[in-house]
Amino acid sequence: MICDGGGSSGKAKSDLEREVRSDLELEEEEQQEKRLPPEQAVYAAKRAFGNEALIKEQTRETWGWVPFEPLLHDVRYAFRQVARNPGFAGITVFTLALGIGFTTAIFSIFNATLLRPLPFENPDRLALLYTSIPNTGYEGPGSVTDPDFAEWQKQNQVFDQIAALRGKTANLTGSGEPERLAGTAVTASFFSVLGVAPELGRPFSAYEQSAGHEDVALISHKLWARRFASRPDIVGKTIQMDGTPFTVLGVMPAQFEFPGQGDFWTPMVLTNDRSNAMDQVIARLKPNISLARATEDVTIIQHRWTSSRKSSTPSSEATTNTTVARQTLRAF
């Protein structure tokens, strides 16, 4: 039998026909040698040879290119139908395109929020600290004041590092059209808590978190590409935000978008103001420290400073609880 996977379809079929005819003729000769009349020899040969059509089909199935024949037939049929009814074909193509686009969009969201690994070092050790006020029905997550964060940072024994951040906006002016930017004020420990470093330049130092030295910024990879043409000499340049010159210390990696999809990060200068809780607090747990153990530690710290303040503001102090929760750090 022919098992040829090459050559054109017509030639292979012709070869197969000749092969089958040759086998049948040989079988007829053998039957005639048995002294059968010619007509009976033909019949006996066909019976001995078997179903000719089935043999041809089984032979074609062994050819490597045969599975494509039905596909090519279907494609030709589809094109004929499109030519006959272009309106229906257009609606069908539009529906398919819409469905594929919607599915792609859903997967992109799913991938970004659930599948794609977090761009942080050991993300399972990252935690969010927040407050709640049970006697008012507020269960959080609540923000904290600068002094509260400073106490947690000073007395903490369960975190490798702890950092505070708060959202801000700024108008970028100078070269090009003015642009409203979303950014974040962060403490100097912010980037080391997350375990990330700038792609260009360096992060903030504790010195640059002090008043009078905070006019520096790290910018996002997207802002660097969009407004500054990805120039490598951007580090050390000055940009104008809200009319104030900021020195660019570095550019963050393209995959770093925390919190949210911000454009810049500037140092957070802590104050002693307890009247306005605006800080979000993140921390990196020490190895082998559970969330329950960390919550117990910060609760003790909180009760300690609350007790120390009761003598000065006995009636205004609400009972506040602190919780340490493992947080998927995409955006607050």
C-alpha atoms as a PDB file:
ATOM      1  CA  MET A   1       0.000   0.000   0.000  1.00  0.00           C
ATOM      2  CA  ILE A   2       1.058   3.644  -0.608  1.00  0.00           C
ATOM      3  CA  CYS A   3       1.958   5.656   2.498  1.00  0.00           C
ATOM      4  CA  ASP A   4       3.300   8.763   0.802  1.00  0.00           C
ATOM      5  CA  GLY A   5       3.104  11.987   2.791  1.00  0.00           C
ATOM      6  CA  GLY A   6       4.591  14.197   0.077  1.00  0.00           C
ATOM      7  CA  GLY A   7       3.702  15.361  -3.412  1.00  0.00           C
ATOM      8  CA  SER A   8       0.527  16.941  -4.617  1.00  0.00           C
ATOM      9  CA  SER A   9      -2.932  15.625  -3.766  1.00  0.00           C
ATOM     10  CA  GLY A  10      -3.768  14.741  -7.409  1.00  0.00           C
ATOM     11  CA  LYS A  11      -0.560  12.789  -7.969  1.00  0.00           C
ATOM     12  CA  ALA A  12      -0.962  10.826  -4.747  1.00  0.00           C
ATOM     13  CA  LYS A  13      -4.544   9.865  -5.645  1.00  0.00           C
ATOM     14  CA  SER A  14      -3.455   8.779  -9.120  1.00  0.00           C
ATOM     15  CA  ASP A  15      -0.668   6.653  -7.647  1.00  0.00           C
ATOM     16  CA  LEU A  16      -3.135   5.056  -5.266  1.00  0.00           C
ATOM     17  CA  GLU A  17      -5.548   4.195  -8.114  1.00  0.00           C
ATOM     18  CA  ARG A  18      -2.739   2.560 -10.094  1.00  0.00           C
ATOM     19  CA  GLU A  19      -1.600   0.612  -7.037  1.00  0.00           C
ATOM     20  CA  VAL A  20      -5.090  -0.713  -6.360  1.00  0.00           C
ATOM     21  CA  ARG A  21      -5.618  -1.650 -10.024  1.00  0.00           C
ATOM     22  CA  SER A  22      -2.282  -3.459 -10.091  1.00  0.00           C
ATOM     23  CA  ASP A  23      -3.144  -5.443  -6.953  1.00  0.00           C
ATOM     24  CA  LEU A  24      -6.516  -6.415  -8.389  1.00  0.00           C
ATOM     25  CA  GLU A  25      -4.962  -7.545 -11.673  1.00  0.00           C
ATOM     26  CA  LEU A  26      -2.465  -9.708  -9.808  1.00  0.00           C
ATOM     27  CA  GLU A  27      -5.288 -11.211  -7.791  1.00  0.00           C
ATOM     28  CA  GLU A  28      -7.261 -11.951 -11.014  1.00  0.00           C
ATOM     29  CA  GLU A  29      -4.257 -13.727 -12.536  1.00  0.00           C
ATOM     30  CA  GLU A  30      -3.966 -15.879  -9.446  1.00  0.00           C
ATOM     31  CA  GLN A  31      -7.662 -16.790  -9.686  1.00  0.00           C
ATOM     32  CA  GLN A  32      -7.342 -17.629 -13.407  1.00  0.00           C
ATOM     33  CA  GLU A  33      -4.430 -19.934 -12.607  1.00  0.00           C
ATOM     34  CA  LYS A  34      -6.967 -21.867 -10.566  1.00  0.00           C
ATOM     35  CA  ARG A  35      -8.746 -22.549 -13.904  1.00  0.00           C
ATOM     36  CA  LEU A  36     -11.679 -20.193 -13.181  1.00  0.00           C
ATOM     37  CA  PRO A  37     -13.470 -18.566 -16.139  1.00  0.00           C
ATOM     38  CA  PRO A  38     -12.507 -14.872 -16.611  1.00  0.00           C
ATOM     39  CA  GLU A  39     -15.767 -13.440 -15.242  1.00  0.00           C
ATOM     40  CA  GLN A  40     -15.637 -15.655 -12.158  1.00  0.00           C
ATOM     41  CA  ALA A  41     -11.929 -14.865 -11.716  1.00  0.00           C
ATOM     42  CA  VAL A  42     -12.732 -11.115 -11.619  1.00  0.00           C
ATOM     43  CA  TYR A  43     -15.450 -11.651  -9.018  1.00  0.00           C
ATOM     44  CA  ALA A  44     -13.255 -13.946  -6.907  1.00  0.00           C
ATOM     45  CA  ALA A  45     -10.366 -11.456  -7.091  1.00  0.00           C
ATOM     46  CA  LYS A  46     -12.556  -8.600  -5.842  1.00  0.00           C
ATOM     47  CA  ARG A  47     -13.891 -10.754  -3.032  1.00  0.00           C
ATOM     48  CA  ALA A  48     -10.381 -11.765  -1.990  1.00  0.00           C
ATOM     49  CA  PHE A  49      -9.030  -8.251  -2.318  1.00  0.00           C
ATOM     50  CA  GLY A  50     -11.718  -6.725  -0.093  1.00  0.00           C
ATOM     51  CA  ASN A  51     -13.680  -3.464  -0.120  1.00  0.00           C
ATOM     52  CA  GLU A  52     -11.821  -1.308  -2.631  1.00  0.00           C
ATOM     53  CA  ALA A  53     -13.251   2.014  -1.383  1.00  0.00           C
ATOM     54  CA  LEU A  54     -12.470   1.161   2.243  1.00  0.00           C
ATOM     55  CA  ILE A  55      -8.904   0.212   1.373  1.00  0.00           C
ATOM     56  CA  LYS A  56      -8.406   3.517  -0.432  1.00  0.00           C
ATOM     57  CA  GLU A  57      -9.801   5.473   2.539  1.00  0.00           C
ATOM     58  CA  GLN A  58      -7.608   3.615   5.037  1.00  0.00           C
ATOM     59  CA  THR A  59      -4.585   4.275   2.852  1.00  0.00           C
ATOM     60  CA  ARG A  60      -5.348   8.018   2.598  1.00  0.00           C
ATOM     61  CA  GLU A  61      -5.655   8.214   6.398  1.00  0.00           C
ATOM     62  CA  THR A  62      -2.000   7.201   6.661  1.00  0.00           C
ATOM     63  CA  TRP A  63      -0.894  10.219   4.636  1.00  0.00           C
ATOM     64  CA  GLY A  64       0.383  13.070   6.781  1.00  0.00           C
ATOM     65  CA  TRP A  65      -1.402  15.785   4.834  1.00  0.00           C
ATOM     66  CA  VAL A  66      -4.811  14.145   4.538  1.00  0.00           C
ATOM     67  CA  PRO A  67      -6.285  15.657   7.782  1.00  0.00           C
ATOM     68  CA  PHE A  68      -5.915  19.064   6.122  1.00  0.00           C
ATOM     69  CA  GLU A  69      -8.140  18.128   3.204  1.00  0.00           C
ATOM     70  CA  PRO A  70     -11.405  18.415   5.184  1.00  0.00           C
ATOM     71  CA  LEU A  71     -10.138  21.713   6.616  1.00  0.00           C
ATOM     72  CA  LEU A  72      -9.395  23.098   3.150  1.00  0.00           C
ATOM     73  CA  HIS A  73     -12.807  21.911   1.988  1.00  0.00           C
ATOM     74  CA  ASP A  74     -14.458  23.707   4.942  1.00  0.00           C
ATOM     75  CA  VAL A  75     -12.501  26.893   4.263  1.00  0.00           C
ATOM     76  CA  ARG A  76     -13.556  26.889   0.608  1.00  0.00           C
ATOM     77  CA  TYR A  77     -17.157  26.297   1.624  1.00  0.00           C
ATOM     78  CA  ALA A  78     -16.999  29.133   4.171  1.00  0.00           C
ATOM     79  CA  PHE A  79     -15.689  31.584   1.585  1.00  0.00           C
ATOM     80  CA  ARG A  80     -18.466  30.622  -0.807  1.00  0.00           C
ATOM     81  CA  GLN A  81     -21.064  31.273   1.908  1.00  0.00           C
ATOM     82  CA  VAL A  82     -19.498  34.650   2.738  1.00  0.00           C
ATOM     83  CA  ALA A  83     -19.631  35.665  -0.906  1.00  0.00           C
ATOM     84  CA  ARG A  84     -23.317  34.675  -1.090  1.00  0.00           C
ATOM     85  CA  ASN A  85     -24.355  36.550   2.097  1.00  0.00           C
ATOM     86  CA  PRO A  86     -21.850  39.325   2.973  1.00  0.00           C
ATOM     87  CA  GLY A  87     -24.243  41.084   5.359  1.00  0.00           C
ATOM     88  CA  PHE A  88     -24.680  38.066   7.592  1.00  0.00           C
ATOM     89  CA  ALA A  89     -20.945  37.405   7.401  1.00  0.00           C
ATOM     90  CA  GLY A  90     -20.206  40.958   8.561  1.00  0.00           C
ATOM     91  CA  ILE A  91     -22.504  40.612  11.574  1.00  0.00           C
ATOM     92  CA  THR A  92     -20.916  37.263  12.440  1.00  0.00           C
ATOM     93  CA  VAL A  93     -17.377  38.662  12.248  1.00  0.00           C
ATOM     94  CA  PHE A  94     -18.374  41.688  14.355  1.00  0.00           C
ATOM     95  CA  THR A  95     -19.967  39.450  17.005  1.00  0.00           C
ATOM     96  CA  LEU A  96     -16.881  37.240  17.147  1.00  0.00           C
ATOM     97  CA  ALA A  97     -14.581  40.274  17.399  1.00  0.00           C
ATOM     98  CA  LEU A  98     -16.708  41.745  20.206  1.00  0.00           C
ATOM     99  CA  GLY A  99     -16.710  38.462  22.113  1.00  0.00           C
ATOM    100  CA  ILE A 100     -12.968  37.959  21.723  1.00  0.00           C
ATOM    101  CA  GLY A 101     -12.285  41.551  22.785  1.00  0.00           C
ATOM    102  CA  PHE A 102     -14.491  41.230  25.870  1.00  0.00           C
ATOM    103  CA  THR A 103     -12.870  37.928  26.840  1.00  0.00           C
ATOM    104  CA  THR A 104      -9.403  39.426  26.398  1.00  0.00           C
ATOM    105  CA  ALA A 105     -10.314  42.407  28.586  1.00  0.00           C
ATOM    106  CA  ILE A 106     -11.695  40.170  31.337  1.00  0.00           C
ATOM    107  CA  PHE A 107      -8.596  37.987  31.257  1.00  0.00           C
ATOM    108  CA  SER A 108      -6.345  41.057  31.420  1.00  0.00           C
ATOM    109  CA  ILE A 109      -8.112  42.179  34.601  1.00  0.00           C
ATOM    110  CA  PHE A 110      -8.060  38.657  36.038  1.00  0.00           C
ATOM    111  CA  ASN A 111      -4.390  38.283  35.214  1.00  0.00           C
ATOM    112  CA  ALA A 112      -3.466  41.642  36.734  1.00  0.00           C
ATOM    113  CA  THR A 113      -5.389  41.062  39.962  1.00  0.00           C
ATOM    114  CA  LEU A 114      -5.048  37.348  40.598  1.00  0.00           C
ATOM    115  CA  LEU A 115      -2.586  35.540  38.369  1.00  0.00           C
ATOM    116  CA  ARG A 116       0.374  37.833  37.847  1.00  0.00           C
ATOM    117  CA  PRO A 117       2.895  37.560  40.684  1.00  0.00           C
ATOM    118  CA  LEU A 118       3.273  40.635  42.864  1.00  0.00           C
ATOM    119  CA  PRO A 119       6.405  42.619  41.954  1.00  0.00           C
ATOM    120  CA  PHE A 120       7.513  42.668  45.594  1.00  0.00           C
ATOM    121  CA  GLU A 121      10.061  40.654  47.519  1.00  0.00           C
ATOM    122  CA  ASN A 122       8.399  37.908  49.625  1.00  0.00           C
ATOM    123  CA  PRO A 123       4.888  39.387  49.276  1.00  0.00           C
ATOM    124  CA  ASP A 124       3.469  36.874  51.789  1.00  0.00           C
ATOM    125  CA  ARG A 125       5.273  38.794  54.555  1.00  0.00           C
ATOM    126  CA  LEU A 126       3.728  42.147  53.675  1.00  0.00           C
ATOM    127  CA  ALA A 127       0.945  43.405  55.929  1.00  0.00           C
ATOM    128  CA  LEU A 128      -1.436  46.342  56.250  1.00  0.00           C
ATOM    129  CA  LEU A 129      -1.947  48.033  59.617  1.00  0.00           C
ATOM    130  CA  TYR A 130      -5.262  49.800  60.150  1.00  0.00           C
ATOM    131  CA  THR A 131      -7.490  51.095  62.912  1.00  0.00           C
ATOM    132  CA  SER A 132     -11.159  50.641  63.787  1.00  0.00           C
ATOM    133  CA  ILE A 133     -13.500  52.199  66.356  1.00  0.00           C
ATOM    134  CA  PRO A 134     -15.891  49.426  67.481  1.00  0.00           C
ATOM    135  CA  ASN A 135     -18.042  51.554  69.816  1.00  0.00           C
ATOM    136  CA  THR A 136     -19.020  53.753  66.860  1.00  0.00           C
ATOM    137  CA  GLY A 137     -19.675  50.834  64.507  1.00  0.00           C
ATOM    138  CA  TYR A 138     -16.666  51.651  62.325  1.00  0.00           C
ATOM    139  CA  GLU A 139     -14.710  48.457  61.642  1.00  0.00           C
ATOM    140  CA  GLY A 140     -12.077  49.992  59.357  1.00  0.00           C
ATOM    141  CA  PRO A 141      -9.790  49.907  57.611  1.00  0.00           C
ATOM    142  CA  GLY A 142      -9.059  53.326  59.077  1.00  0.00           C
ATOM    143  CA  SER A 143      -6.106  55.629  58.539  1.00  0.00           C
ATOM    144  CA  VAL A 144      -3.726  56.715  61.302  1.00  0.00           C
ATOM    145  CA  THR A 145      -2.045  59.975  62.279  1.00  0.00           C
ATOM    146  CA  ASP A 146       1.644  60.778  61.861  1.00  0.00           C
ATOM    147  CA  PRO A 147       2.327  60.533  65.635  1.00  0.00           C
ATOM    148  CA  ASP A 148       0.598  57.142  65.840  1.00  0.00           C
ATOM    149  CA  PHE A 149       2.704  55.826  62.969  1.00  0.00           C
ATOM    150  CA  ALA A 150       5.846  57.215  64.620  1.00  0.00           C
ATOM    151  CA  GLU A 151       5.013  55.314  67.831  1.00  0.00           C
ATOM    152  CA  TRP A 152       4.441  52.067  65.960  1.00  0.00           C
ATOM    153  CA  GLN A 153       7.728  52.551  64.133  1.00  0.00           C
ATOM    154  CA  LYS A 154       9.612  53.367  67.316  1.00  0.00           C
ATOM    155  CA  GLN A 155       8.256  50.601  69.579  1.00  0.00           C
ATOM    156  CA  ASN A 156       7.656  47.827  67.011  1.00  0.00           C
ATOM    157  CA  GLN A 157       9.247  44.439  67.697  1.00  0.00           C
ATOM    158  CA  VAL A 158       7.492  42.245  65.122  1.00  0.00           C
ATOM    159  CA  PHE A 159       8.240  43.975  61.811  1.00  0.00           C
ATOM    160  CA  ASP A 160      11.491  44.169  59.897  1.00  0.00           C
ATOM    161  CA  GLN A 161      10.380  47.584  58.679  1.00  0.00           C
ATOM    162  CA  ILE A 162       7.264  49.738  58.678  1.00  0.00           C
ATOM    163  CA  ALA A 163       6.266  52.553  56.290  1.00  0.00           C
ATOM    164  CA  ALA A 164       3.531  55.157  55.904  1.00  0.00           C
ATOM    165  CA  LEU A 165       2.037  56.651  52.764  1.00  0.00           C
ATOM    166  CA  ARG A 166      -0.739  58.995  51.710  1.00  0.00           C
ATOM    167  CA  GLY A 167      -2.128  59.976  48.330  1.00  0.00           C
ATOM    168  CA  LYS A 168      -1.575  63.371  46.743  1.00  0.00           C
ATOM    169  CA  THR A 169      -1.889  65.125  43.402  1.00  0.00           C
ATOM    170  CA  ALA A 170       0.206  67.725  41.623  1.00  0.00           C
ATOM    171  CA  ASN A 171       0.191  69.777  38.428  1.00  0.00           C
ATOM    172  CA  LEU A 172       3.216  69.061  36.244  1.00  0.00           C
ATOM    173  CA  THR A 173       4.280  72.146  34.292  1.00  0.00           C
ATOM    174  CA  GLY A 174       7.295  73.185  32.268  1.00  0.00           C
ATOM    175  CA  SER A 175       7.977  71.620  28.895  1.00  0.00           C
ATOM    176  CA  GLY A 176       4.861  70.353  27.147  1.00  0.00           C
ATOM    177  CA  GLU A 177       1.219  70.731  28.150  1.00  0.00           C
ATOM    178  CA  PRO A 178       0.407  70.994  31.881  1.00  0.00           C
ATOM    179  CA  GLU A 179      -0.712  67.649  33.278  1.00  0.00           C
ATOM    180  CA  ARG A 180      -2.506  66.660  36.464  1.00  0.00           C
ATOM    181  CA  LEU A 181      -0.578  63.828  38.128  1.00  0.00           C
ATOM    182  CA  ALA A 182      -1.532  61.330  40.823  1.00  0.00           C
ATOM    183  CA  GLY A 183       1.211  60.540  43.298  1.00  0.00           C
ATOM    184  CA  THR A 184       2.031  59.360  46.800  1.00  0.00           C
ATOM    185  CA  ALA A 185       3.925  60.846  49.722  1.00  0.00           C
ATOM    186  CA  VAL A 186       5.873  58.044  51.428  1.00  0.00           C
ATOM    187  CA  THR A 187       8.333  57.595  54.257  1.00  0.00           C
ATOM    188  CA  ALA A 188      11.922  56.738  53.390  1.00  0.00           C
ATOM    189  CA  SER A 189      11.326  53.100  54.429  1.00  0.00           C
ATOM    190  CA  PHE A 190       8.558  52.607  51.852  1.00  0.00           C
ATOM    191  CA  PHE A 191      10.657  51.063  49.072  1.00  0.00           C
ATOM    192  CA  SER A 192      12.685  48.804  51.364  1.00  0.00           C
ATOM    193  CA  VAL A 193       9.472  47.510  52.985  1.00  0.00           C
ATOM    194  CA  LEU A 194       8.251  46.450  49.546  1.00  0.00           C
ATOM    195  CA  GLY A 195      11.672  45.191  48.509  1.00  0.00           C
ATOM    196  CA  VAL A 196      11.836  47.250  45.316  1.00  0.00           C
ATOM    197  CA  ALA A 197      14.476  49.615  43.970  1.00  0.00           C
ATOM    198  CA  PRO A 198      14.449  52.258  41.229  1.00  0.00           C
ATOM    199  CA  GLU A 199      15.404  51.177  37.723  1.00  0.00           C
ATOM    200  CA  LEU A 200      17.441  54.373  37.500  1.00  0.00           C
ATOM    201  CA  GLY A 201      18.825  56.433  40.357  1.00  0.00           C
ATOM    202  CA  ARG A 202      18.188  55.832  44.049  1.00  0.00           C
ATOM    203  CA  PRO A 203      15.337  55.945  46.608  1.00  0.00           C
ATOM    204  CA  PHE A 204      14.854  58.594  49.304  1.00  0.00           C
ATOM    205  CA  SER A 205      17.069  58.823  52.356  1.00  0.00           C
ATOM    206  CA  ALA A 206      15.896  59.624  55.892  1.00  0.00           C
ATOM    207  CA  TYR A 207      17.525  63.052  55.459  1.00  0.00           C
ATOM    208  CA  GLU A 208      15.238  63.837  52.533  1.00  0.00           C
ATOM    209  CA  GLN A 209      12.225  63.023  54.713  1.00  0.00           C
ATOM    210  CA  SER A 210      13.015  65.985  56.952  1.00  0.00           C
ATOM    211  CA  ALA A 211      11.427  69.425  56.538  1.00  0.00           C
ATOM    212  CA  GLY A 212      13.233  71.657  54.070  1.00  0.00           C
ATOM    213  CA  HIS A 213      14.831  68.777  52.178  1.00  0.00           C
ATOM    214  CA  GLU A 214      11.770  67.029  50.774  1.00  0.00           C
ATOM    215  CA  ASP A 215      11.698  68.602  47.294  1.00  0.00           C
ATOM    216  CA  VAL A 216      12.848  65.418  45.560  1.00  0.00           C
ATOM    217  CA  ALA A 217      10.840  62.823  43.633  1.00  0.00           C
ATOM    218  CA  LEU A 218      10.877  59.400  42.075  1.00  0.00           C
ATOM    219  CA  ILE A 219       8.815  59.138  38.912  1.00  0.00           C
ATOM    220  CA  SER A 220       6.978  56.207  37.336  1.00  0.00           C
ATOM    221  CA  HIS A 221       8.260  54.399  34.270  1.00  0.00           C
ATOM    222  CA  LYS A 222       5.134  55.497  32.358  1.00  0.00           C
ATOM    223  CA  LEU A 223       5.645  59.177  33.197  1.00  0.00           C
ATOM    224  CA  TRP A 224       9.320  58.915  32.281  1.00  0.00           C
ATOM    225  CA  ALA A 225       8.412  57.498  28.857  1.00  0.00           C
ATOM    226  CA  ARG A 226       5.406  59.777  28.277  1.00  0.00           C
ATOM    227  CA  ARG A 227       6.849  63.155  29.236  1.00  0.00           C
ATOM    228  CA  PHE A 228      10.604  62.700  29.128  1.00  0.00           C
ATOM    229  CA  ALA A 229      11.113  60.310  26.168  1.00  0.00           C
ATOM    230  CA  SER A 230      12.814  57.746  28.439  1.00  0.00           C
ATOM    231  CA  ARG A 231      15.949  59.904  28.586  1.00  0.00           C
ATOM    232  CA  PRO A 232      18.566  58.238  30.826  1.00  0.00           C
ATOM    233  CA  ASP A 233      19.825  61.662  31.944  1.00  0.00           C
ATOM    234  CA  ILE A 234      16.520  62.403  33.740  1.00  0.00           C
ATOM    235  CA  VAL A 235      18.171  61.597  37.090  1.00  0.00           C
ATOM    236  CA  GLY A 236      19.266  64.838  38.694  1.00  0.00           C
ATOM    237  CA  LYS A 237      17.029  66.970  36.470  1.00  0.00           C
ATOM    238  CA  THR A 238      14.441  69.344  37.924  1.00  0.00           C
ATOM    239  CA  ILE A 239      10.724  69.127  37.216  1.00  0.00           C
ATOM    240  CA  GLN A 240       8.019  71.603  38.248  1.00  0.00           C
ATOM    241  CA  MET A 241       5.094  70.280  40.291  1.00  0.00           C
ATOM    242  CA  ASP A 242       2.574  72.784  41.657  1.00  0.00           C
ATOM    243  CA  GLY A 243       5.088  75.505  40.863  1.00  0.00           C
ATOM    244  CA  THR A 244       7.776  73.921  43.073  1.00  0.00           C
ATOM    245  CA  PRO A 245      11.014  72.525  41.627  1.00  0.00           C
ATOM    246  CA  PHE A 246      11.609  68.853  42.465  1.00  0.00           C
ATOM    247  CA  THR A 247      14.864  67.035  41.753  1.00  0.00           C
ATOM    248  CA  VAL A 248      14.295  63.652  40.136  1.00  0.00           C
ATOM    249  CA  LEU A 249      16.187  61.039  42.140  1.00  0.00           C
ATOM    250  CA  GLY A 250      15.189  58.065  40.011  1.00  0.00           C
ATOM    251  CA  VAL A 251      12.730  56.136  37.852  1.00  0.00           C
ATOM    252  CA  MET A 252      10.782  53.138  39.166  1.00  0.00           C
ATOM    253  CA  PRO A 253      10.557  49.841  37.204  1.00  0.00           C
ATOM    254  CA  ALA A 254       7.788  49.474  34.626  1.00  0.00           C
ATOM    255  CA  GLN A 255       5.971  46.769  36.604  1.00  0.00           C
ATOM    256  CA  PHE A 256       5.866  48.819  39.822  1.00  0.00           C
ATOM    257  CA  GLU A 257       2.440  50.433  40.265  1.00  0.00           C
ATOM    258  CA  PHE A 258       1.744  50.890  43.964  1.00  0.00           C
ATOM    259  CA  PRO A 259      -0.489  52.207  45.248  1.00  0.00           C
ATOM    260  CA  GLY A 260      -2.653  52.248  42.136  1.00  0.00           C
ATOM    261  CA  GLN A 261      -1.101  53.564  38.949  1.00  0.00           C
ATOM    262  CA  GLY A 262       0.557  56.690  40.306  1.00  0.00           C
ATOM    263  CA  ASP A 263       2.996  58.967  38.484  1.00  0.00           C
ATOM    264  CA  PHE A 264       5.388  59.984  41.253  1.00  0.00           C
ATOM    265  CA  TRP A 265       6.509  59.470  44.853  1.00  0.00           C
ATOM    266  CA  THR A 266       7.793  62.186  47.184  1.00  0.00           C
ATOM    267  CA  PRO A 267       9.080  62.048  50.789  1.00  0.00           C
ATOM    268  CA  MET A 268       6.515  62.310  53.586  1.00  0.00           C
ATOM    269  CA  VAL A 269       7.517  64.796  56.298  1.00  0.00           C
ATOM    270  CA  LEU A 270       5.949  63.636  59.557  1.00  0.00           C
ATOM    271  CA  THR A 271       4.243  66.135  61.878  1.00  0.00           C
ATOM    272  CA  ASN A 272       2.907  66.051  65.448  1.00  0.00           C
ATOM    273  CA  ASP A 273      -0.675  66.668  64.317  1.00  0.00           C
ATOM    274  CA  ARG A 274      -3.080  64.156  65.874  1.00  0.00           C
ATOM    275  CA  SER A 275      -6.223  65.804  64.520  1.00  0.00           C
ATOM    276  CA  ASN A 276      -6.058  64.439  60.982  1.00  0.00           C
ATOM    277  CA  ALA A 277      -5.606  60.711  60.329  1.00  0.00           C
ATOM    278  CA  MET A 278      -4.532  60.344  56.694  1.00  0.00           C
ATOM    279  CA  ASP A 279      -1.741  57.762  56.709  1.00  0.00           C
ATOM    280  CA  GLN A 280      -1.933  54.237  55.338  1.00  0.00           C
ATOM    281  CA  VAL A 281       0.617  51.942  56.995  1.00  0.00           C
ATOM    282  CA  ILE A 282       2.318  48.896  55.518  1.00  0.00           C
ATOM    283  CA  ALA A 283       4.943  46.670  57.113  1.00  0.00           C
ATOM    284  CA  ARG A 284       7.106  43.645  56.486  1.00  0.00           C
ATOM    285  CA  LEU A 285       6.682  40.909  59.079  1.00  0.00           C
ATOM    286  CA  LYS A 286       9.779  39.405  60.625  1.00  0.00           C
ATOM    287  CA  PRO A 287      10.296  35.713  59.764  1.00  0.00           C
ATOM    288  CA  ASN A 288       8.054  33.335  61.763  1.00  0.00           C
ATOM    289  CA  ILE A 289       5.864  36.167  63.117  1.00  0.00           C
ATOM    290  CA  SER A 290       2.148  35.509  62.656  1.00  0.00           C
ATOM    291  CA  LEU A 291      -0.498  38.143  61.984  1.00  0.00           C
ATOM    292  CA  ALA A 292      -2.045  37.413  65.372  1.00  0.00           C
ATOM    293  CA  ARG A 293       1.292  37.981  67.129  1.00  0.00           C
ATOM    294  CA  ALA A 294       1.843  41.229  65.205  1.00  0.00           C
ATOM    295  CA  THR A 295      -1.684  42.478  66.018  1.00  0.00           C
ATOM    296  CA  GLU A 296      -1.074  41.748  69.715  1.00  0.00           C
ATOM    297  CA  ASP A 297       2.163  43.731  69.627  1.00  0.00           C
ATOM    298  CA  VAL A 298       0.741  46.862  67.965  1.00  0.00           C
ATOM    299  CA  THR A 299      -2.338  46.691  70.230  1.00  0.00           C
ATOM    300  CA  ILE A 300      -0.103  46.841  73.300  1.00  0.00           C
ATOM    301  CA  ILE A 301       1.716  49.836  71.811  1.00  0.00           C
ATOM    302  CA  GLN A 302      -1.596  51.523  71.049  1.00  0.00           C
ATOM    303  CA  HIS A 303      -2.958  50.989  74.563  1.00  0.00           C
ATOM    304  CA  ARG A 304       0.279  52.294  76.013  1.00  0.00           C
ATOM    305  CA  TRP A 305       0.169  55.607  74.132  1.00  0.00           C
ATOM    306  CA  THR A 306      -3.607  55.937  74.582  1.00  0.00           C
ATOM    307  CA  SER A 307      -3.217  55.642  78.353  1.00  0.00           C
ATOM    308  CA  SER A 308      -0.479  58.252  78.345  1.00  0.00           C
ATOM    309  CA  ARG A 309      -2.789  60.742  76.583  1.00  0.00           C
ATOM    310  CA  LYS A 310      -5.936  60.198  78.631  1.00  0.00           C
ATOM    311  CA  SER A 311      -4.923  62.638  81.342  1.00  0.00           C
ATOM    312  CA  SER A 312      -4.711  65.493  78.820  1.00  0.00           C
ATOM    313  CA  THR A 313      -7.794  64.626  76.698  1.00  0.00           C
ATOM    314  CA  PRO A 314      -9.982  62.332  78.838  1.00  0.00           C
ATOM    315  CA  SER A 315     -13.298  62.973  77.068  1.00  0.00           C
ATOM    316  CA  SER A 316     -12.191  63.076  73.423  1.00  0.00           C
ATOM    317  CA  GLU A 317     -10.320  59.770  73.322  1.00  0.00           C
ATOM    318  CA  ALA A 318     -12.368  57.069  71.598  1.00  0.00           C
ATOM    319  CA  THR A 319     -11.586  53.400  72.014  1.00  0.00           C
ATOM    320  CA  THR A 320      -9.586  52.444  68.936  1.00  0.00           C
ATOM    321  CA  ASN A 321      -8.498  48.975  67.903  1.00  0.00           C
ATOM    322  CA  THR A 322      -5.571  48.164  65.637  1.00  0.00           C
ATOM    323  CA  THR A 323      -5.466  45.222  63.233  1.00  0.00           C
ATOM    324  CA  VAL A 324      -2.637  43.705  61.242  1.00  0.00           C
ATOM    325  CA  ALA A 325      -3.914  42.027  58.080  1.00  0.00           C
ATOM    326  CA  ARG A 326      -2.169  40.317  55.224  1.00  0.00           C
ATOM    327  CA  GLN A 327      -2.778  42.539  52.221  1.00  0.00           C
ATOM    328  CA  THR A 328      -2.631  41.965  48.474  1.00  0.00           C
ATOM    329  CA  LEU A 329      -0.810  45.180  47.697  1.00  0.00           C
ATOM    330  CA  ARG A 330      -2.403  46.307  44.433  1.00  0.00           C
ATOM    331  CA  ALA A 331      -4.044  49.508  45.579  1.00  0.00           C
ATOM    332  CA  PHE A 332      -5.863  50.746  48.649  1.00  0.00           C
END
